[in-house]
Amino acid sequence: MMPLTMAKEGEVNYIKRIGGKEDTKRFLESLGFVVGGEVIVISANGGNVIVNIKESRVGISSSMANRIMV
């Protein structure tokens, strides 16, 4: 397992765990980040990450991406 910030661009990953406080988990879940979900990193710039999840592109900060384990 590794944080989403360490995933390679264009590689398909599956979410294994989401850390953080309950409200943070709920926020990420509302964006489509659920355990078992498929996520593809489109680009990483300055730690911030743009991903493809559930056929949508979502940008998240590096602190949020570090809570998502793939």
PDB file of N, CA and C in Angstrom:
ATOM      1  N   MET A   1       0.834  -1.189   0.000  1.00  0.00           N
ATOM      2  CA  MET A   1       0.000   0.000   0.000  1.00  0.00           C
ATOM      3  C   MET A   1       0.881   1.255   0.000  1.00  0.00           C
ATOM      4  N   MET A   2       0.413   2.268  -0.708  1.00  0.00           N
ATOM      5  CA  MET A   2       1.129   3.540  -0.767  1.00  0.00           C
ATOM      6  C   MET A   2       0.110   4.663  -0.899  1.00  0.00           C
ATOM      7  N   PRO A   3       0.478   5.897  -0.519  1.00  0.00           N
ATOM      8  CA  PRO A   3      -0.453   7.012  -0.690  1.00  0.00           C
ATOM      9  C   PRO A   3      -0.645   7.338  -2.175  1.00  0.00           C
ATOM     10  N   LEU A   4      -1.762   7.909  -2.491  1.00  0.00           N
ATOM     11  CA  LEU A   4      -2.097   8.255  -3.876  1.00  0.00           C
ATOM     12  C   LEU A   4      -1.054   9.183  -4.490  1.00  0.00           C
ATOM     13  N   THR A   5      -0.408  10.005  -3.684  1.00  0.00           N
ATOM     14  CA  THR A   5       0.612  10.925  -4.209  1.00  0.00           C
ATOM     15  C   THR A   5       1.806  10.196  -4.809  1.00  0.00           C
ATOM     16  N   MET A   6       2.014   8.927  -4.450  1.00  0.00           N
ATOM     17  CA  MET A   6       3.145   8.159  -4.974  1.00  0.00           C
ATOM     18  C   MET A   6       2.779   7.298  -6.184  1.00  0.00           C
ATOM     19  N   ALA A   7       1.513   7.280  -6.562  1.00  0.00           N
ATOM     20  CA  ALA A   7       1.075   6.478  -7.709  1.00  0.00           C
ATOM     21  C   ALA A   7       1.595   7.097  -9.004  1.00  0.00           C
ATOM     22  N   LYS A   8       1.910   6.244  -9.966  1.00  0.00           N
ATOM     23  CA  LYS A   8       2.405   6.714 -11.263  1.00  0.00           C
ATOM     24  C   LYS A   8       1.254   7.231 -12.115  1.00  0.00           C
ATOM     25  N   GLU A   9       1.555   8.228 -12.928  1.00  0.00           N
ATOM     26  CA  GLU A   9       0.550   8.799 -13.828  1.00  0.00           C
ATOM     27  C   GLU A   9       0.137   7.775 -14.876  1.00  0.00           C
ATOM     28  N   GLY A  10      -1.167   7.672 -15.132  1.00  0.00           N
ATOM     29  CA  GLY A  10      -1.697   6.775 -16.140  1.00  0.00           C
ATOM     30  C   GLY A  10      -1.891   5.348 -15.683  1.00  0.00           C
ATOM     31  N   GLU A  11      -1.462   5.023 -14.486  1.00  0.00           N
ATOM     32  CA  GLU A  11      -1.569   3.661 -13.968  1.00  0.00           C
ATOM     33  C   GLU A  11      -2.884   3.487 -13.206  1.00  0.00           C
ATOM     34  N   VAL A  12      -3.561   2.363 -13.437  1.00  0.00           N
ATOM     35  CA  VAL A  12      -4.813   2.071 -12.739  1.00  0.00           C
ATOM     36  C   VAL A  12      -4.499   1.562 -11.340  1.00  0.00           C
ATOM     37  N   ASN A  13      -5.112   2.191 -10.335  1.00  0.00           N
ATOM     38  CA  ASN A  13      -4.945   1.780  -8.942  1.00  0.00           C
ATOM     39  C   ASN A  13      -6.317   1.585  -8.321  1.00  0.00           C
ATOM     40  N   TYR A  14      -6.350   0.820  -7.249  1.00  0.00           N
ATOM     41  CA  TYR A  14      -7.598   0.592  -6.524  1.00  0.00           C
ATOM     42  C   TYR A  14      -7.433   1.086  -5.095  1.00  0.00           C
ATOM     43  N   ILE A  15      -8.414   1.805  -4.611  1.00  0.00           N
ATOM     44  CA  ILE A  15      -8.362   2.375  -3.268  1.00  0.00           C
ATOM     45  C   ILE A  15      -8.504   1.262  -2.241  1.00  0.00           C
ATOM     46  N   LYS A  16      -7.551   1.206  -1.320  1.00  0.00           N
ATOM     47  CA  LYS A  16      -7.553   0.161  -0.291  1.00  0.00           C
ATOM     48  C   LYS A  16      -7.995   0.693   1.063  1.00  0.00           C
ATOM     49  N   ARG A  17      -7.685   1.975   1.325  1.00  0.00           N
ATOM     50  CA  ARG A  17      -8.033   2.546   2.625  1.00  0.00           C
ATOM     51  C   ARG A  17      -8.057   4.059   2.518  1.00  0.00           C
ATOM     52  N   ILE A  18      -8.947   4.675   3.291  1.00  0.00           N
ATOM     53  CA  ILE A  18      -9.011   6.131   3.362  1.00  0.00           C
ATOM     54  C   ILE A  18      -8.867   6.516   4.821  1.00  0.00           C
ATOM     55  N   GLY A  19      -7.857   7.322   5.114  1.00  0.00           N
ATOM     56  CA  GLY A  19      -7.594   7.742   6.485  1.00  0.00           C
ATOM     57  C   GLY A  19      -8.137   9.132   6.753  1.00  0.00           C
ATOM     58  N   GLY A  20      -7.947   9.585   7.978  1.00  0.00           N
ATOM     59  CA  GLY A  20      -8.370  10.927   8.357  1.00  0.00           C
ATOM     60  C   GLY A  20      -9.614  10.914   9.223  1.00  0.00           C
ATOM     61  N   LYS A  21     -10.069  12.123   9.550  1.00  0.00           N
ATOM     62  CA  LYS A  21     -11.259  12.274  10.381  1.00  0.00           C
ATOM     63  C   LYS A  21     -12.504  11.864   9.604  1.00  0.00           C
ATOM     64  N   GLU A  22     -13.574  11.644  10.334  1.00  0.00           N
ATOM     65  CA  GLU A  22     -14.820  11.163   9.718  1.00  0.00           C
ATOM     66  C   GLU A  22     -15.360  12.143   8.667  1.00  0.00           C
ATOM     67  N   ASP A  23     -15.291  13.440   8.945  1.00  0.00           N
ATOM     68  CA  ASP A  23     -15.797  14.415   7.969  1.00  0.00           C
ATOM     69  C   ASP A  23     -14.936  14.442   6.709  1.00  0.00           C
ATOM     70  N   THR A  24     -13.635  14.199   6.855  1.00  0.00           N
ATOM     71  CA  THR A  24     -12.745  14.121   5.692  1.00  0.00           C
ATOM     72  C   THR A  24     -13.092  12.899   4.853  1.00  0.00           C
ATOM     73  N   LYS A  25     -13.324  11.788   5.514  1.00  0.00           N
ATOM     74  CA  LYS A  25     -13.700  10.560   4.796  1.00  0.00           C
ATOM     75  C   LYS A  25     -15.003  10.755   4.037  1.00  0.00           C
ATOM     76  N   ARG A  26     -15.979  11.402   4.680  1.00  0.00           N
ATOM     77  CA  ARG A  26     -17.273  11.649   4.022  1.00  0.00           C
ATOM     78  C   ARG A  26     -17.111  12.550   2.808  1.00  0.00           C
ATOM     79  N   PHE A  27     -16.263  13.591   2.932  1.00  0.00           N
ATOM     80  CA  PHE A  27     -16.015  14.498   1.818  1.00  0.00           C
ATOM     81  C   PHE A  27     -15.409  13.752   0.632  1.00  0.00           C
ATOM     82  N   LEU A  28     -14.379  12.939   0.896  1.00  0.00           N
ATOM     83  CA  LEU A  28     -13.743  12.172  -0.173  1.00  0.00           C
ATOM     84  C   LEU A  28     -14.722  11.173  -0.785  1.00  0.00           C
ATOM     85  N   GLU A  29     -15.566  10.574   0.052  1.00  0.00           N
ATOM     86  CA  GLU A  29     -16.573   9.633  -0.437  1.00  0.00           C
ATOM     87  C   GLU A  29     -17.560  10.336  -1.367  1.00  0.00           C
ATOM     88  N   SER A  30     -17.915  11.571  -1.052  1.00  0.00           N
ATOM     89  CA  SER A  30     -18.854  12.319  -1.902  1.00  0.00           C
ATOM     90  C   SER A  30     -18.240  12.633  -3.269  1.00  0.00           C
ATOM     91  N   LEU A  31     -16.905  12.676  -3.331  1.00  0.00           N
ATOM     92  CA  LEU A  31     -16.217  12.892  -4.612  1.00  0.00           C
ATOM     93  C   LEU A  31     -16.043  11.600  -5.401  1.00  0.00           C
ATOM     94  N   GLY A  32     -16.346  10.458  -4.764  1.00  0.00           N
ATOM     95  CA  GLY A  32     -16.234   9.175  -5.450  1.00  0.00           C
ATOM     96  C   GLY A  32     -15.106   8.304  -4.949  1.00  0.00           C
ATOM     97  N   PHE A  33     -14.348   8.772  -3.964  1.00  0.00           N
ATOM     98  CA  PHE A  33     -13.242   7.990  -3.420  1.00  0.00           C
ATOM     99  C   PHE A  33     -13.778   7.004  -2.387  1.00  0.00           C
ATOM    100  N   VAL A  34     -14.032   5.779  -2.828  1.00  0.00           N
ATOM    101  CA  VAL A  34     -14.532   4.725  -1.940  1.00  0.00           C
ATOM    102  C   VAL A  34     -13.598   3.522  -2.017  1.00  0.00           C
ATOM    103  N   VAL A  35     -13.528   2.760  -0.924  1.00  0.00           N
ATOM    104  CA  VAL A  35     -12.662   1.582  -0.875  1.00  0.00           C
ATOM    105  C   VAL A  35     -13.079   0.610  -1.979  1.00  0.00           C
ATOM    106  N   GLY A  36     -12.102   0.149  -2.749  1.00  0.00           N
ATOM    107  CA  GLY A  36     -12.360  -0.746  -3.866  1.00  0.00           C
ATOM    108  C   GLY A  36     -12.545  -0.010  -5.180  1.00  0.00           C
ATOM    109  N   GLY A  37     -12.675   1.304  -5.127  1.00  0.00           N
ATOM    110  CA  GLY A  37     -12.875   2.104  -6.338  1.00  0.00           C
ATOM    111  C   GLY A  37     -11.602   2.226  -7.158  1.00  0.00           C
ATOM    112  N   GLU A  38     -11.779   2.345  -8.460  1.00  0.00           N
ATOM    113  CA  GLU A  38     -10.653   2.484  -9.384  1.00  0.00           C
ATOM    114  C   GLU A  38     -10.298   3.956  -9.523  1.00  0.00           C
ATOM    115  N   VAL A  39      -9.014   4.262  -9.456  1.00  0.00           N
ATOM    116  CA  VAL A  39      -8.548   5.643  -9.581  1.00  0.00           C
ATOM    117  C   VAL A  39      -7.304   5.674 -10.468  1.00  0.00           C
ATOM    118  N   ILE A  40      -7.258   6.646 -11.378  1.00  0.00           N
ATOM    119  CA  ILE A  40      -6.116   6.812 -12.286  1.00  0.00           C
ATOM    120  C   ILE A  40      -5.578   8.228 -12.113  1.00  0.00           C
ATOM    121  N   VAL A  41      -4.288   8.349 -11.812  1.00  0.00           N
ATOM    122  CA  VAL A  41      -3.665   9.662 -11.679  1.00  0.00           C
ATOM    123  C   VAL A  41      -3.425  10.224 -13.074  1.00  0.00           C
ATOM    124  N   ILE A  42      -3.985  11.393 -13.346  1.00  0.00           N
ATOM    125  CA  ILE A  42      -3.802  12.060 -14.640  1.00  0.00           C
ATOM    126  C   ILE A  42      -2.525  12.901 -14.599  1.00  0.00           C
ATOM    127  N   SER A  43      -2.392  13.704 -13.551  1.00  0.00           N
ATOM    128  CA  SER A  43      -1.170  14.489 -13.391  1.00  0.00           C
ATOM    129  C   SER A  43      -0.979  14.868 -11.931  1.00  0.00           C
ATOM    130  N   ALA A  44       0.276  15.097 -11.584  1.00  0.00           N
ATOM    131  CA  ALA A  44       0.642  15.553 -10.248  1.00  0.00           C
ATOM    132  C   ALA A  44       1.524  16.772 -10.420  1.00  0.00           C
ATOM    133  N   ASN A  45       1.133  17.878  -9.796  1.00  0.00           N
ATOM    134  CA  ASN A  45       1.858  19.130  -9.954  1.00  0.00           C
ATOM    135  C   ASN A  45       2.024  19.781  -8.591  1.00  0.00           C
ATOM    136  N   GLY A  46       3.247  19.852  -8.114  1.00  0.00           N
ATOM    137  CA  GLY A  46       3.504  20.469  -6.824  1.00  0.00           C
ATOM    138  C   GLY A  46       2.833  19.742  -5.673  1.00  0.00           C
ATOM    139  N   GLY A  47       2.634  18.451  -5.837  1.00  0.00           N
ATOM    140  CA  GLY A  47       1.982  17.668  -4.796  1.00  0.00           C
ATOM    141  C   GLY A  47       0.489  17.536  -4.995  1.00  0.00           C
ATOM    142  N   ASN A  48      -0.132  18.501  -5.659  1.00  0.00           N
ATOM    143  CA  ASN A  48      -1.561  18.406  -5.955  1.00  0.00           C
ATOM    144  C   ASN A  48      -1.772  17.386  -7.059  1.00  0.00           C
ATOM    145  N   VAL A  49      -2.904  16.689  -7.012  1.00  0.00           N
ATOM    146  CA  VAL A  49      -3.128  15.555  -7.897  1.00  0.00           C
ATOM    147  C   VAL A  49      -4.450  15.714  -8.637  1.00  0.00           C
ATOM    148  N   ILE A  50      -4.433  15.441  -9.935  1.00  0.00           N
ATOM    149  CA  ILE A  50      -5.660  15.369 -10.733  1.00  0.00           C
ATOM    150  C   ILE A  50      -5.858  13.906 -11.081  1.00  0.00           C
ATOM    151  N   VAL A  51      -7.040  13.376 -10.753  1.00  0.00           N
ATOM    152  CA  VAL A  51      -7.309  11.957 -10.972  1.00  0.00           C
ATOM    153  C   VAL A  51      -8.594  11.761 -11.762  1.00  0.00           C
ATOM    154  N   ASN A  52      -8.681  10.606 -12.395  1.00  0.00           N
ATOM    155  CA  ASN A  52      -9.909  10.141 -13.026  1.00  0.00           C
ATOM    156  C   ASN A  52     -10.556   9.170 -12.052  1.00  0.00           C
ATOM    157  N   ILE A  53     -11.777   9.462 -11.634  1.00  0.00           N
ATOM    158  CA  ILE A  53     -12.482   8.564 -10.733  1.00  0.00           C
ATOM    159  C   ILE A  53     -13.952   8.586 -11.120  1.00  0.00           C
ATOM    160  N   LYS A  54     -14.524   7.407 -11.289  1.00  0.00           N
ATOM    161  CA  LYS A  54     -15.938   7.272 -11.692  1.00  0.00           C
ATOM    162  C   LYS A  54     -16.255   8.149 -12.898  1.00  0.00           C
ATOM    163  N   GLU A  55     -15.406   8.076 -13.915  1.00  0.00           N
ATOM    164  CA  GLU A  55     -15.583   8.790 -15.176  1.00  0.00           C
ATOM    165  C   GLU A  55     -15.628  10.306 -15.022  1.00  0.00           C
ATOM    166  N   SER A  56     -14.992  10.834 -13.975  1.00  0.00           N
ATOM    167  CA  SER A  56     -14.885  12.274 -13.757  1.00  0.00           C
ATOM    168  C   SER A  56     -13.444  12.612 -13.427  1.00  0.00           C
ATOM    169  N   ARG A  57     -13.063  13.849 -13.705  1.00  0.00           N
ATOM    170  CA  ARG A  57     -11.740  14.321 -13.298  1.00  0.00           C
ATOM    171  C   ARG A  57     -11.913  15.158 -12.048  1.00  0.00           C
ATOM    172  N   VAL A  58     -11.084  14.852 -11.052  1.00  0.00           N
ATOM    173  CA  VAL A  58     -11.161  15.546  -9.777  1.00  0.00           C
ATOM    174  C   VAL A  58      -9.758  15.977  -9.376  1.00  0.00           C
ATOM    175  N   GLY A  59      -9.623  17.209  -8.919  1.00  0.00           N
ATOM    176  CA  GLY A  59      -8.350  17.698  -8.407  1.00  0.00           C
ATOM    177  C   GLY A  59      -8.401  17.750  -6.893  1.00  0.00           C
ATOM    178  N   ILE A  60      -7.372  17.190  -6.239  1.00  0.00           N
ATOM    179  CA  ILE A  60      -7.310  17.224  -4.777  1.00  0.00           C
ATOM    180  C   ILE A  60      -5.917  17.651  -4.327  1.00  0.00           C
ATOM    181  N   SER A  61      -5.853  18.197  -3.141  1.00  0.00           N
ATOM    182  CA  SER A  61      -4.576  18.658  -2.593  1.00  0.00           C
ATOM    183  C   SER A  61      -3.705  17.475  -2.192  1.00  0.00           C
ATOM    184  N   SER A  62      -2.438  17.751  -1.998  1.00  0.00           N
ATOM    185  CA  SER A  62      -1.515  16.673  -1.609  1.00  0.00           C
ATOM    186  C   SER A  62      -1.868  16.137  -0.230  1.00  0.00           C
ATOM    187  N   SER A  63      -2.355  16.975   0.683  1.00  0.00           N
ATOM    188  CA  SER A  63      -2.707  16.486   2.019  1.00  0.00           C
ATOM    189  C   SER A  63      -3.891  15.520   1.952  1.00  0.00           C
ATOM    190  N   MET A  64      -4.851  15.784   1.070  1.00  0.00           N
ATOM    191  CA  MET A  64      -5.986  14.861   0.882  1.00  0.00           C
ATOM    192  C   MET A  64      -5.505  13.586   0.200  1.00  0.00           C
ATOM    193  N   ALA A  65      -4.660  13.728  -0.823  1.00  0.00           N
ATOM    194  CA  ALA A  65      -4.173  12.570  -1.570  1.00  0.00           C
ATOM    195  C   ALA A  65      -3.342  11.640  -0.682  1.00  0.00           C
ATOM    196  N   ASN A  66      -2.656  12.209   0.305  1.00  0.00           N
ATOM    197  CA  ASN A  66      -1.860  11.375   1.216  1.00  0.00           C
ATOM    198  C   ASN A  66      -2.726  10.516   2.132  1.00  0.00           C
ATOM    199  N   ARG A  67      -3.983  10.875   2.293  1.00  0.00           N
ATOM    200  CA  ARG A  67      -4.892  10.078   3.135  1.00  0.00           C
ATOM    201  C   ARG A  67      -5.499   8.896   2.372  1.00  0.00           C
ATOM    202  N   ILE A  68      -5.359   8.911   1.047  1.00  0.00           N
ATOM    203  CA  ILE A  68      -5.935   7.840   0.218  1.00  0.00           C
ATOM    204  C   ILE A  68      -4.848   6.819  -0.091  1.00  0.00           C
ATOM    205  N   MET A  69      -5.025   5.607   0.395  1.00  0.00           N
ATOM    206  CA  MET A  69      -4.032   4.554   0.194  1.00  0.00           C
ATOM    207  C   MET A  69      -4.475   3.647  -0.951  1.00  0.00           C
ATOM    208  N   VAL A  70      -3.542   3.394  -1.876  1.00  0.00           N
ATOM    209  CA  VAL A  70      -3.839   2.525  -3.033  1.00  0.00           C
ATOM    210  C   VAL A  70      -2.884   1.355  -3.037  1.00  0.00           C
TER     211      VAL A  70
END
